[in-house]
Amino acid sequence: PAMTAVLSADGRYLDVTLTGRGDLSRVWFPTWSAVNGQDDLRWYEAVKQADGSWTCRVPLANHKNAGGYFIHAYGNDKRNLVAHTTVSVAQAVSPQVWTQLSARTTCSGTRRKSSPTVTGRIR
């Protein structure tokens, strides 16, 4: 299995993908920032793609901190850890952007176990 997280072009989302685990029936990507422990932990349900991968778009506005992020992948139930990765975001989303983002998150899927560093400017 492999897991990636890539900063979106507009800097407001992490696009998370899990590959190599098409055998799973459900996948979640719990995500939190390194600042203040897991006080901003959110569970995002992924969507299975036609190729067997799982994807999800994580809105950074739900987390409000720049710096490191931890992302895990759980399959079939929320006790079965199947992969994890970390990323780094250079700048936090401003409060003005938080109010403009939709509360609904759209997800889709793939999986990969790696530790990429994502840097970018959030506007």
C-alpha atoms as a PDB file:
ATOM      1  CA  PRO A   1       0.000   0.000   0.000  1.00  0.00           C
ATOM      2  CA  ALA A   2       1.008   3.602  -0.602  1.00  0.00           C
ATOM      3  CA  MET A   3      -0.335   6.910   0.723  1.00  0.00           C
ATOM      4  CA  THR A   4       0.173  10.480  -0.500  1.00  0.00           C
ATOM      5  CA  ALA A   5      -1.037  13.917   0.546  1.00  0.00           C
ATOM      6  CA  VAL A   6      -0.589  16.806  -1.883  1.00  0.00           C
ATOM      7  CA  LEU A   7      -1.366  20.469  -1.306  1.00  0.00           C
ATOM      8  CA  SER A   8      -4.031  21.712  -3.752  1.00  0.00           C
ATOM      9  CA  ALA A   9      -3.129  24.421  -6.274  1.00  0.00           C
ATOM     10  CA  ASP A  10      -5.093  27.022  -4.305  1.00  0.00           C
ATOM     11  CA  GLY A  11      -3.407  25.954  -1.045  1.00  0.00           C
ATOM     12  CA  ARG A  12      -6.681  25.310   0.799  1.00  0.00           C
ATOM     13  CA  TYR A  13      -6.799  21.503   0.736  1.00  0.00           C
ATOM     14  CA  LEU A  14      -4.721  18.382   1.131  1.00  0.00           C
ATOM     15  CA  ASP A  15      -5.633  15.839  -1.532  1.00  0.00           C
ATOM     16  CA  VAL A  16      -5.074  12.464   0.105  1.00  0.00           C
ATOM     17  CA  THR A  17      -4.746   9.207  -1.839  1.00  0.00           C
ATOM     18  CA  LEU A  18      -4.382   5.586  -0.758  1.00  0.00           C
ATOM     19  CA  THR A  19      -3.411   2.911  -3.317  1.00  0.00           C
ATOM     20  CA  GLY A  20      -2.866  -0.805  -3.108  1.00  0.00           C
ATOM     21  CA  ARG A  21      -5.838  -1.566  -0.853  1.00  0.00           C
ATOM     22  CA  GLY A  22      -8.743  -2.130  -3.222  1.00  0.00           C
ATOM     23  CA  ASP A  23      -9.757  -5.008  -0.937  1.00  0.00           C
ATOM     24  CA  LEU A  24     -11.113  -2.610   1.697  1.00  0.00           C
ATOM     25  CA  SER A  25     -14.831  -1.829   1.911  1.00  0.00           C
ATOM     26  CA  ARG A  26     -14.465   1.573   3.647  1.00  0.00           C
ATOM     27  CA  VAL A  27     -11.560   3.934   4.329  1.00  0.00           C
ATOM     28  CA  TRP A  28     -11.165   6.942   6.621  1.00  0.00           C
ATOM     29  CA  PHE A  29      -8.364   9.503   6.809  1.00  0.00           C
ATOM     30  CA  PRO A  30      -8.158  10.939  10.336  1.00  0.00           C
ATOM     31  CA  THR A  31      -6.137  14.150  10.083  1.00  0.00           C
ATOM     32  CA  TRP A  32      -4.720  16.567  12.651  1.00  0.00           C
ATOM     33  CA  SER A  33      -2.065  19.257  12.926  1.00  0.00           C
ATOM     34  CA  ALA A  34       1.027  18.829  15.085  1.00  0.00           C
ATOM     35  CA  VAL A  35       0.228  22.011  17.043  1.00  0.00           C
ATOM     36  CA  ASN A  36      -1.692  21.323  20.297  1.00  0.00           C
ATOM     37  CA  GLY A  37      -1.867  17.560  19.873  1.00  0.00           C
ATOM     38  CA  GLN A  38      -5.073  16.134  18.434  1.00  0.00           C
ATOM     39  CA  ASP A  39      -7.315  19.060  19.401  1.00  0.00           C
ATOM     40  CA  ASP A  40      -8.265  19.509  15.724  1.00  0.00           C
ATOM     41  CA  LEU A  41      -8.593  15.798  14.820  1.00  0.00           C
ATOM     42  CA  ARG A  42     -11.180  15.166  12.105  1.00  0.00           C
ATOM     43  CA  TRP A  43     -12.137  11.889  10.423  1.00  0.00           C
ATOM     44  CA  TYR A  44     -12.723  12.123   6.662  1.00  0.00           C
ATOM     45  CA  GLU A  45     -14.349   9.227   4.837  1.00  0.00           C
ATOM     46  CA  ALA A  46     -12.674   8.434   1.524  1.00  0.00           C
ATOM     47  CA  VAL A  47     -14.353   7.492  -1.754  1.00  0.00           C
ATOM     48  CA  LYS A  48     -13.256   4.399  -3.654  1.00  0.00           C
ATOM     49  CA  GLN A  49     -12.192   5.054  -7.242  1.00  0.00           C
ATOM     50  CA  ALA A  50     -12.661   2.776 -10.265  1.00  0.00           C
ATOM     51  CA  ASP A  51      -8.973   1.783 -10.101  1.00  0.00           C
ATOM     52  CA  GLY A  52      -9.363   0.547  -6.489  1.00  0.00           C
ATOM     53  CA  SER A  53      -7.650   3.538  -4.931  1.00  0.00           C
ATOM     54  CA  TRP A  54      -9.208   5.747  -2.232  1.00  0.00           C
ATOM     55  CA  THR A  55      -9.214   9.561  -2.215  1.00  0.00           C
ATOM     56  CA  CYS A  56     -10.333  12.444  -0.056  1.00  0.00           C
ATOM     57  CA  ARG A  57      -9.966  16.241  -0.065  1.00  0.00           C
ATOM     58  CA  VAL A  58      -9.101  17.557   3.421  1.00  0.00           C
ATOM     59  CA  PRO A  59      -9.961  21.238   3.948  1.00  0.00           C
ATOM     60  CA  LEU A  60      -7.130  22.910   5.861  1.00  0.00           C
ATOM     61  CA  ALA A  61      -9.630  25.428   7.221  1.00  0.00           C
ATOM     62  CA  ASN A  62     -10.874  22.670   9.542  1.00  0.00           C
ATOM     63  CA  HIS A  63      -7.475  22.605  11.226  1.00  0.00           C
ATOM     64  CA  LYS A  64      -6.340  26.247  11.387  1.00  0.00           C
ATOM     65  CA  ASN A  65      -2.617  25.674  11.907  1.00  0.00           C
ATOM     66  CA  ALA A  66       0.447  25.839   9.718  1.00  0.00           C
ATOM     67  CA  GLY A  67       3.232  23.306  10.183  1.00  0.00           C
ATOM     68  CA  GLY A  68       3.120  19.541  10.341  1.00  0.00           C
ATOM     69  CA  TYR A  69       0.057  17.384   9.746  1.00  0.00           C
ATOM     70  CA  PHE A  70      -0.489  13.729  10.543  1.00  0.00           C
ATOM     71  CA  ILE A  71      -2.748  11.672   8.296  1.00  0.00           C
ATOM     72  CA  HIS A  72      -3.621   8.034   8.954  1.00  0.00           C
ATOM     73  CA  ALA A  73      -5.645   5.607   6.846  1.00  0.00           C
ATOM     74  CA  TYR A  74      -8.021   3.176   8.518  1.00  0.00           C
ATOM     75  CA  GLY A  75      -9.773   0.440   6.557  1.00  0.00           C
ATOM     76  CA  ASN A  76     -13.082  -1.396   7.084  1.00  0.00           C
ATOM     77  CA  ASP A  77     -13.453   0.005  10.615  1.00  0.00           C
ATOM     78  CA  LYS A  78     -11.880   2.791  12.634  1.00  0.00           C
ATOM     79  CA  ARG A  79      -9.547   0.372  14.459  1.00  0.00           C
ATOM     80  CA  ASN A  80      -7.665  -1.059  11.471  1.00  0.00           C
ATOM     81  CA  LEU A  81      -4.687   1.237  10.709  1.00  0.00           C
ATOM     82  CA  VAL A  82      -3.433   0.445   7.192  1.00  0.00           C
ATOM     83  CA  ALA A  83      -1.105   3.383   6.366  1.00  0.00           C
ATOM     84  CA  HIS A  84       0.037   6.814   7.521  1.00  0.00           C
ATOM     85  CA  THR A  85       1.949   9.841   6.306  1.00  0.00           C
ATOM     86  CA  THR A  86       2.968  13.335   7.394  1.00  0.00           C
ATOM     87  CA  VAL A  87       3.013  16.622   5.497  1.00  0.00           C
ATOM     88  CA  SER A  88       4.114  20.183   6.198  1.00  0.00           C
ATOM     89  CA  VAL A  89       2.067  23.275   5.314  1.00  0.00           C
ATOM     90  CA  ALA A  90       3.982  26.550   5.221  1.00  0.00           C
ATOM     91  CA  GLN A  91       1.221  28.970   6.240  1.00  0.00           C
ATOM     92  CA  ALA A  92      -2.147  28.665   7.990  1.00  0.00           C
ATOM     93  CA  VAL A  93      -5.412  29.534   6.274  1.00  0.00           C
ATOM     94  CA  SER A  94      -6.676  32.954   7.311  1.00  0.00           C
ATOM     95  CA  PRO A  95      -9.988  33.334   9.202  1.00  0.00           C
ATOM     96  CA  GLN A  96     -11.446  35.037   6.119  1.00  0.00           C
ATOM     97  CA  VAL A  97     -10.843  31.884   4.089  1.00  0.00           C
ATOM     98  CA  TRP A  98     -12.361  29.662   6.818  1.00  0.00           C
ATOM     99  CA  THR A  99     -15.676  31.459   6.563  1.00  0.00           C
ATOM    100  CA  GLN A 100     -15.718  31.065   2.786  1.00  0.00           C
ATOM    101  CA  LEU A 101     -15.173  27.307   2.760  1.00  0.00           C
ATOM    102  CA  SER A 102     -18.062  24.904   2.709  1.00  0.00           C
ATOM    103  CA  ALA A 103     -18.569  22.732   5.775  1.00  0.00           C
ATOM    104  CA  ARG A 104     -19.075  19.710   3.504  1.00  0.00           C
ATOM    105  CA  THR A 105     -16.036  17.699   2.480  1.00  0.00           C
ATOM    106  CA  THR A 106     -15.881  15.676  -0.718  1.00  0.00           C
ATOM    107  CA  CYS A 107     -13.653  12.623  -0.724  1.00  0.00           C
ATOM    108  CA  SER A 108     -12.424  10.020  -3.195  1.00  0.00           C
ATOM    109  CA  GLY A 109      -9.658   7.377  -2.978  1.00  0.00           C
ATOM    110  CA  THR A 110      -6.186   5.862  -3.241  1.00  0.00           C
ATOM    111  CA  ARG A 111      -3.554   4.707  -0.743  1.00  0.00           C
ATOM    112  CA  ARG A 112       0.201   4.907  -0.417  1.00  0.00           C
ATOM    113  CA  LYS A 113       2.549   4.565   2.534  1.00  0.00           C
ATOM    114  CA  SER A 114       5.140   7.305   2.337  1.00  0.00           C
ATOM    115  CA  SER A 115       6.126  10.515   4.077  1.00  0.00           C
ATOM    116  CA  PRO A 116       6.138  13.349   1.557  1.00  0.00           C
ATOM    117  CA  THR A 117       6.689  16.936   2.649  1.00  0.00           C
ATOM    118  CA  VAL A 118       4.152  19.304   1.177  1.00  0.00           C
ATOM    119  CA  THR A 119       4.931  22.991   1.287  1.00  0.00           C
ATOM    120  CA  GLY A 120       2.977  25.795  -0.210  1.00  0.00           C
ATOM    121  CA  ARG A 121       1.545  29.202   0.277  1.00  0.00           C
ATOM    122  CA  ILE A 122      -2.028  29.385   1.431  1.00  0.00           C
ATOM    123  CA  ARG A 123      -3.802  32.474   0.195  1.00  0.00           C
END
